[in-house]
N, C-alpha and C. Protein backbone atom coordinates (compact mmCIF):
# COMPACT_ATOMS: atom_id res chain seq x y z
N MET A 1 -6.62 11.79 -25.69
CA MET A 1 -5.22 11.74 -25.31
C MET A 1 -4.85 12.91 -24.40
N LEU A 2 -5.71 13.90 -24.33
CA LEU A 2 -5.42 15.05 -23.50
C LEU A 2 -5.34 14.61 -22.04
N GLY A 3 -4.27 14.99 -21.36
CA GLY A 3 -4.10 14.64 -19.96
C GLY A 3 -3.53 13.27 -19.71
N LEU A 4 -3.09 12.60 -20.76
CA LEU A 4 -2.57 11.25 -20.62
C LEU A 4 -1.36 11.18 -19.71
N PHE A 5 -0.53 12.21 -19.77
CA PHE A 5 0.70 12.19 -19.00
C PHE A 5 0.68 13.13 -17.80
N ASN A 6 -0.50 13.58 -17.41
CA ASN A 6 -0.60 14.42 -16.22
C ASN A 6 -0.26 13.58 -14.99
N ARG A 7 0.55 14.16 -14.12
CA ARG A 7 0.94 13.44 -12.91
C ARG A 7 0.06 13.87 -11.74
N ARG A 8 -0.28 12.90 -10.93
CA ARG A 8 -1.00 13.20 -9.69
C ARG A 8 0.01 13.66 -8.66
N PRO A 9 -0.44 14.47 -7.71
CA PRO A 9 0.48 14.84 -6.63
C PRO A 9 0.89 13.60 -5.83
N ARG A 10 2.08 13.64 -5.30
CA ARG A 10 2.55 12.52 -4.46
C ARG A 10 1.70 12.43 -3.20
N PRO A 11 1.53 11.21 -2.67
CA PRO A 11 0.80 11.06 -1.40
C PRO A 11 1.55 11.77 -0.27
N ASP A 12 0.85 12.17 0.75
CA ASP A 12 1.42 12.83 1.91
C ASP A 12 2.50 11.95 2.54
N ALA A 13 3.69 12.50 2.74
CA ALA A 13 4.83 11.73 3.26
C ALA A 13 4.55 11.14 4.64
N GLU A 14 3.84 11.88 5.48
CA GLU A 14 3.52 11.37 6.82
C GLU A 14 2.57 10.18 6.74
N ALA A 15 1.60 10.26 5.84
CA ALA A 15 0.65 9.15 5.67
C ALA A 15 1.37 7.92 5.14
N VAL A 16 2.32 8.10 4.23
CA VAL A 16 3.11 6.98 3.70
C VAL A 16 3.93 6.36 4.82
N ALA A 17 4.61 7.18 5.61
CA ALA A 17 5.43 6.67 6.71
C ALA A 17 4.58 5.91 7.72
N ARG A 18 3.40 6.46 8.02
CA ARG A 18 2.49 5.80 8.98
C ARG A 18 2.05 4.44 8.45
N LEU A 19 1.66 4.37 7.17
CA LEU A 19 1.22 3.11 6.58
C LEU A 19 2.37 2.10 6.55
N LYS A 20 3.57 2.55 6.21
CA LYS A 20 4.73 1.64 6.21
C LYS A 20 4.98 1.08 7.61
N ALA A 21 4.85 1.91 8.62
CA ALA A 21 5.06 1.46 10.00
C ALA A 21 4.02 0.42 10.39
N TRP A 22 2.75 0.65 10.04
CA TRP A 22 1.70 -0.32 10.35
C TRP A 22 1.95 -1.65 9.66
N ILE A 23 2.34 -1.61 8.38
CA ILE A 23 2.60 -2.83 7.62
C ILE A 23 3.82 -3.55 8.21
N SER A 24 4.85 -2.79 8.53
CA SER A 24 6.06 -3.38 9.10
C SER A 24 5.77 -4.08 10.42
N ASP A 25 4.98 -3.44 11.26
CA ASP A 25 4.60 -4.05 12.54
C ASP A 25 3.74 -5.29 12.32
N LEU A 26 2.77 -5.19 11.42
CA LEU A 26 1.87 -6.30 11.13
C LEU A 26 2.64 -7.55 10.69
N MET A 27 3.64 -7.33 9.82
CA MET A 27 4.36 -8.46 9.23
C MET A 27 5.69 -8.74 9.93
N SER A 28 6.00 -8.00 11.00
CA SER A 28 7.27 -8.15 11.72
C SER A 28 8.45 -8.09 10.76
N LEU A 29 8.48 -7.03 9.95
CA LEU A 29 9.52 -6.90 8.93
C LEU A 29 10.85 -6.49 9.53
N GLY A 30 11.91 -6.85 8.84
CA GLY A 30 13.26 -6.52 9.26
C GLY A 30 13.89 -5.48 8.33
N ASP A 31 15.14 -5.17 8.60
CA ASP A 31 15.86 -4.16 7.83
C ASP A 31 16.06 -4.54 6.37
N ARG A 32 16.08 -5.82 6.06
CA ARG A 32 16.33 -6.26 4.69
C ARG A 32 15.05 -6.43 3.87
N ASP A 33 13.91 -6.21 4.49
CA ASP A 33 12.63 -6.28 3.79
C ASP A 33 12.30 -4.88 3.25
N HIS A 34 11.47 -4.83 2.21
CA HIS A 34 11.18 -3.56 1.55
C HIS A 34 9.68 -3.38 1.36
N ILE A 35 9.23 -2.14 1.57
CA ILE A 35 7.82 -1.79 1.36
C ILE A 35 7.76 -0.68 0.32
N ALA A 36 6.97 -0.88 -0.73
CA ALA A 36 6.72 0.15 -1.73
C ALA A 36 5.23 0.46 -1.73
N ILE A 37 4.91 1.75 -1.78
CA ILE A 37 3.51 2.18 -1.73
C ILE A 37 3.22 3.05 -2.95
N ALA A 38 2.09 2.77 -3.60
CA ALA A 38 1.66 3.56 -4.74
C ALA A 38 0.17 3.83 -4.67
N GLU A 39 -0.21 5.03 -5.09
CA GLU A 39 -1.63 5.35 -5.26
C GLU A 39 -1.92 5.26 -6.75
N LEU A 40 -2.92 4.48 -7.10
CA LEU A 40 -3.26 4.28 -8.50
C LEU A 40 -4.69 4.73 -8.77
N ALA A 41 -4.87 5.44 -9.87
CA ALA A 41 -6.21 5.83 -10.31
C ALA A 41 -6.77 4.73 -11.19
N CYS A 42 -8.06 4.46 -11.02
CA CYS A 42 -8.70 3.42 -11.83
C CYS A 42 -9.88 4.04 -12.55
N HIS A 43 -9.98 3.73 -13.84
CA HIS A 43 -11.07 4.27 -14.64
C HIS A 43 -12.00 3.17 -15.14
N GLU A 44 -11.87 1.98 -14.60
CA GLU A 44 -12.71 0.86 -15.00
C GLU A 44 -13.96 0.80 -14.11
N PRO A 45 -15.06 0.34 -14.65
CA PRO A 45 -16.28 0.23 -13.85
C PRO A 45 -16.10 -0.73 -12.67
N GLY A 46 -16.61 -0.33 -11.52
CA GLY A 46 -16.58 -1.21 -10.36
C GLY A 46 -15.35 -1.09 -9.48
N CYS A 47 -14.34 -0.39 -9.92
CA CYS A 47 -13.16 -0.25 -9.06
C CYS A 47 -13.17 1.15 -8.45
N PRO A 48 -12.49 1.33 -7.31
CA PRO A 48 -12.50 2.65 -6.67
C PRO A 48 -11.76 3.67 -7.55
N ASP A 49 -12.11 4.95 -7.37
CA ASP A 49 -11.43 6.00 -8.13
C ASP A 49 -9.93 6.01 -7.84
N LEU A 50 -9.58 5.73 -6.60
CA LEU A 50 -8.18 5.74 -6.17
C LEU A 50 -7.94 4.52 -5.30
N GLU A 51 -6.83 3.86 -5.53
CA GLU A 51 -6.49 2.64 -4.79
C GLU A 51 -5.05 2.76 -4.29
N THR A 52 -4.83 2.30 -3.06
CA THR A 52 -3.48 2.24 -2.53
C THR A 52 -2.99 0.81 -2.66
N VAL A 53 -1.84 0.65 -3.30
CA VAL A 53 -1.26 -0.67 -3.50
C VAL A 53 0.08 -0.71 -2.74
N VAL A 54 0.20 -1.68 -1.85
CA VAL A 54 1.40 -1.85 -1.05
C VAL A 54 2.07 -3.15 -1.50
N THR A 55 3.31 -3.04 -1.92
CA THR A 55 4.08 -4.23 -2.30
C THR A 55 5.16 -4.44 -1.26
N VAL A 56 5.14 -5.61 -0.64
CA VAL A 56 6.13 -5.97 0.37
C VAL A 56 7.03 -7.04 -0.24
N THR A 57 8.32 -6.75 -0.28
CA THR A 57 9.30 -7.71 -0.76
C THR A 57 10.17 -8.11 0.42
N LEU A 58 10.10 -9.38 0.76
CA LEU A 58 10.89 -9.89 1.89
C LEU A 58 12.33 -10.16 1.46
N ALA A 59 13.20 -10.27 2.43
CA ALA A 59 14.62 -10.51 2.15
C ALA A 59 14.82 -11.80 1.36
N ASP A 60 13.93 -12.78 1.54
CA ASP A 60 14.06 -14.04 0.80
C ASP A 60 13.41 -13.97 -0.58
N ARG A 61 13.04 -12.78 -1.01
CA ARG A 61 12.48 -12.45 -2.33
C ARG A 61 11.00 -12.81 -2.50
N ARG A 62 10.35 -13.29 -1.45
CA ARG A 62 8.90 -13.47 -1.53
C ARG A 62 8.27 -12.09 -1.62
N ARG A 63 7.19 -12.00 -2.37
CA ARG A 63 6.53 -10.71 -2.59
C ARG A 63 5.04 -10.84 -2.28
N PHE A 64 4.51 -9.83 -1.60
CA PHE A 64 3.10 -9.79 -1.24
C PHE A 64 2.53 -8.44 -1.64
N VAL A 65 1.34 -8.44 -2.20
CA VAL A 65 0.68 -7.21 -2.60
C VAL A 65 -0.59 -7.06 -1.77
N LEU A 66 -0.72 -5.91 -1.13
CA LEU A 66 -1.89 -5.57 -0.32
C LEU A 66 -2.57 -4.39 -0.99
N ARG A 67 -3.89 -4.42 -1.07
CA ARG A 67 -4.64 -3.35 -1.74
C ARG A 67 -5.68 -2.75 -0.80
N PHE A 68 -5.80 -1.43 -0.88
CA PHE A 68 -6.78 -0.70 -0.09
C PHE A 68 -7.57 0.19 -1.05
N PRO A 69 -8.90 0.20 -0.97
CA PRO A 69 -9.72 0.93 -1.94
C PRO A 69 -9.87 2.42 -1.61
N SER A 70 -8.74 3.09 -1.33
CA SER A 70 -8.77 4.51 -0.99
C SER A 70 -7.37 5.09 -1.13
N SER A 71 -7.24 6.37 -0.86
CA SER A 71 -5.93 7.02 -0.89
C SER A 71 -5.10 6.55 0.31
N VAL A 72 -3.80 6.79 0.25
CA VAL A 72 -2.91 6.43 1.36
C VAL A 72 -3.39 7.09 2.65
N ALA A 73 -3.75 8.37 2.58
CA ALA A 73 -4.15 9.11 3.77
C ALA A 73 -5.43 8.56 4.40
N GLU A 74 -6.24 7.86 3.62
CA GLU A 74 -7.51 7.34 4.13
C GLU A 74 -7.41 5.92 4.68
N VAL A 75 -6.29 5.25 4.48
CA VAL A 75 -6.12 3.89 5.00
C VAL A 75 -5.99 3.98 6.52
N THR A 76 -6.71 3.12 7.22
CA THR A 76 -6.69 3.14 8.69
C THR A 76 -5.89 1.96 9.23
N GLU A 77 -5.47 2.10 10.46
CA GLU A 77 -4.75 1.01 11.11
C GLU A 77 -5.65 -0.22 11.23
N ALA A 78 -6.93 -0.01 11.45
CA ALA A 78 -7.87 -1.13 11.54
C ALA A 78 -7.93 -1.90 10.22
N GLN A 79 -7.88 -1.20 9.09
CA GLN A 79 -7.86 -1.88 7.79
C GLN A 79 -6.61 -2.73 7.65
N VAL A 80 -5.49 -2.20 8.08
CA VAL A 80 -4.23 -2.94 8.00
C VAL A 80 -4.31 -4.17 8.91
N GLN A 81 -4.77 -4.00 10.13
CA GLN A 81 -4.86 -5.11 11.08
C GLN A 81 -5.83 -6.19 10.59
N SER A 82 -6.82 -5.81 9.80
CA SER A 82 -7.78 -6.79 9.30
C SER A 82 -7.13 -7.78 8.33
N LEU A 83 -5.93 -7.48 7.86
CA LEU A 83 -5.21 -8.36 6.93
C LEU A 83 -4.33 -9.38 7.65
N LYS A 84 -4.31 -9.35 8.97
CA LYS A 84 -3.40 -10.18 9.75
C LYS A 84 -3.45 -11.66 9.36
N SER A 85 -4.61 -12.18 9.09
CA SER A 85 -4.72 -13.60 8.77
C SER A 85 -4.26 -13.93 7.35
N SER A 86 -4.09 -12.90 6.52
CA SER A 86 -3.71 -13.16 5.13
C SER A 86 -2.24 -12.88 4.81
N VAL A 87 -1.47 -12.43 5.82
CA VAL A 87 -0.05 -12.18 5.59
C VAL A 87 0.77 -13.28 6.27
N PRO A 88 1.98 -13.53 5.77
CA PRO A 88 2.78 -14.62 6.33
C PRO A 88 3.27 -14.31 7.75
N ALA A 89 3.39 -15.33 8.54
CA ALA A 89 3.97 -15.19 9.88
C ALA A 89 5.48 -15.06 9.73
N PRO A 90 6.12 -14.36 10.65
CA PRO A 90 7.59 -14.18 10.56
C PRO A 90 8.35 -15.48 10.68
């Protein structure tokens, strides 16, 4: 139980803003759409030590979850662009 409630440092604000901009451009998001980004630690076998989870909630309440097997700062624009075929068209 030791360390159960230890908090990880927040992801770098610039990296979060950059990732949000890439996702917004990729999905042609508007002002009423929302992007939430979280870094999650995983302790299960086979999953990355750290995962970035992006939840996009559109104005019409549709929700999409995008996952990257690294920290926010390590996600690249190429990784985001590789999801183009799996996200909804505007």
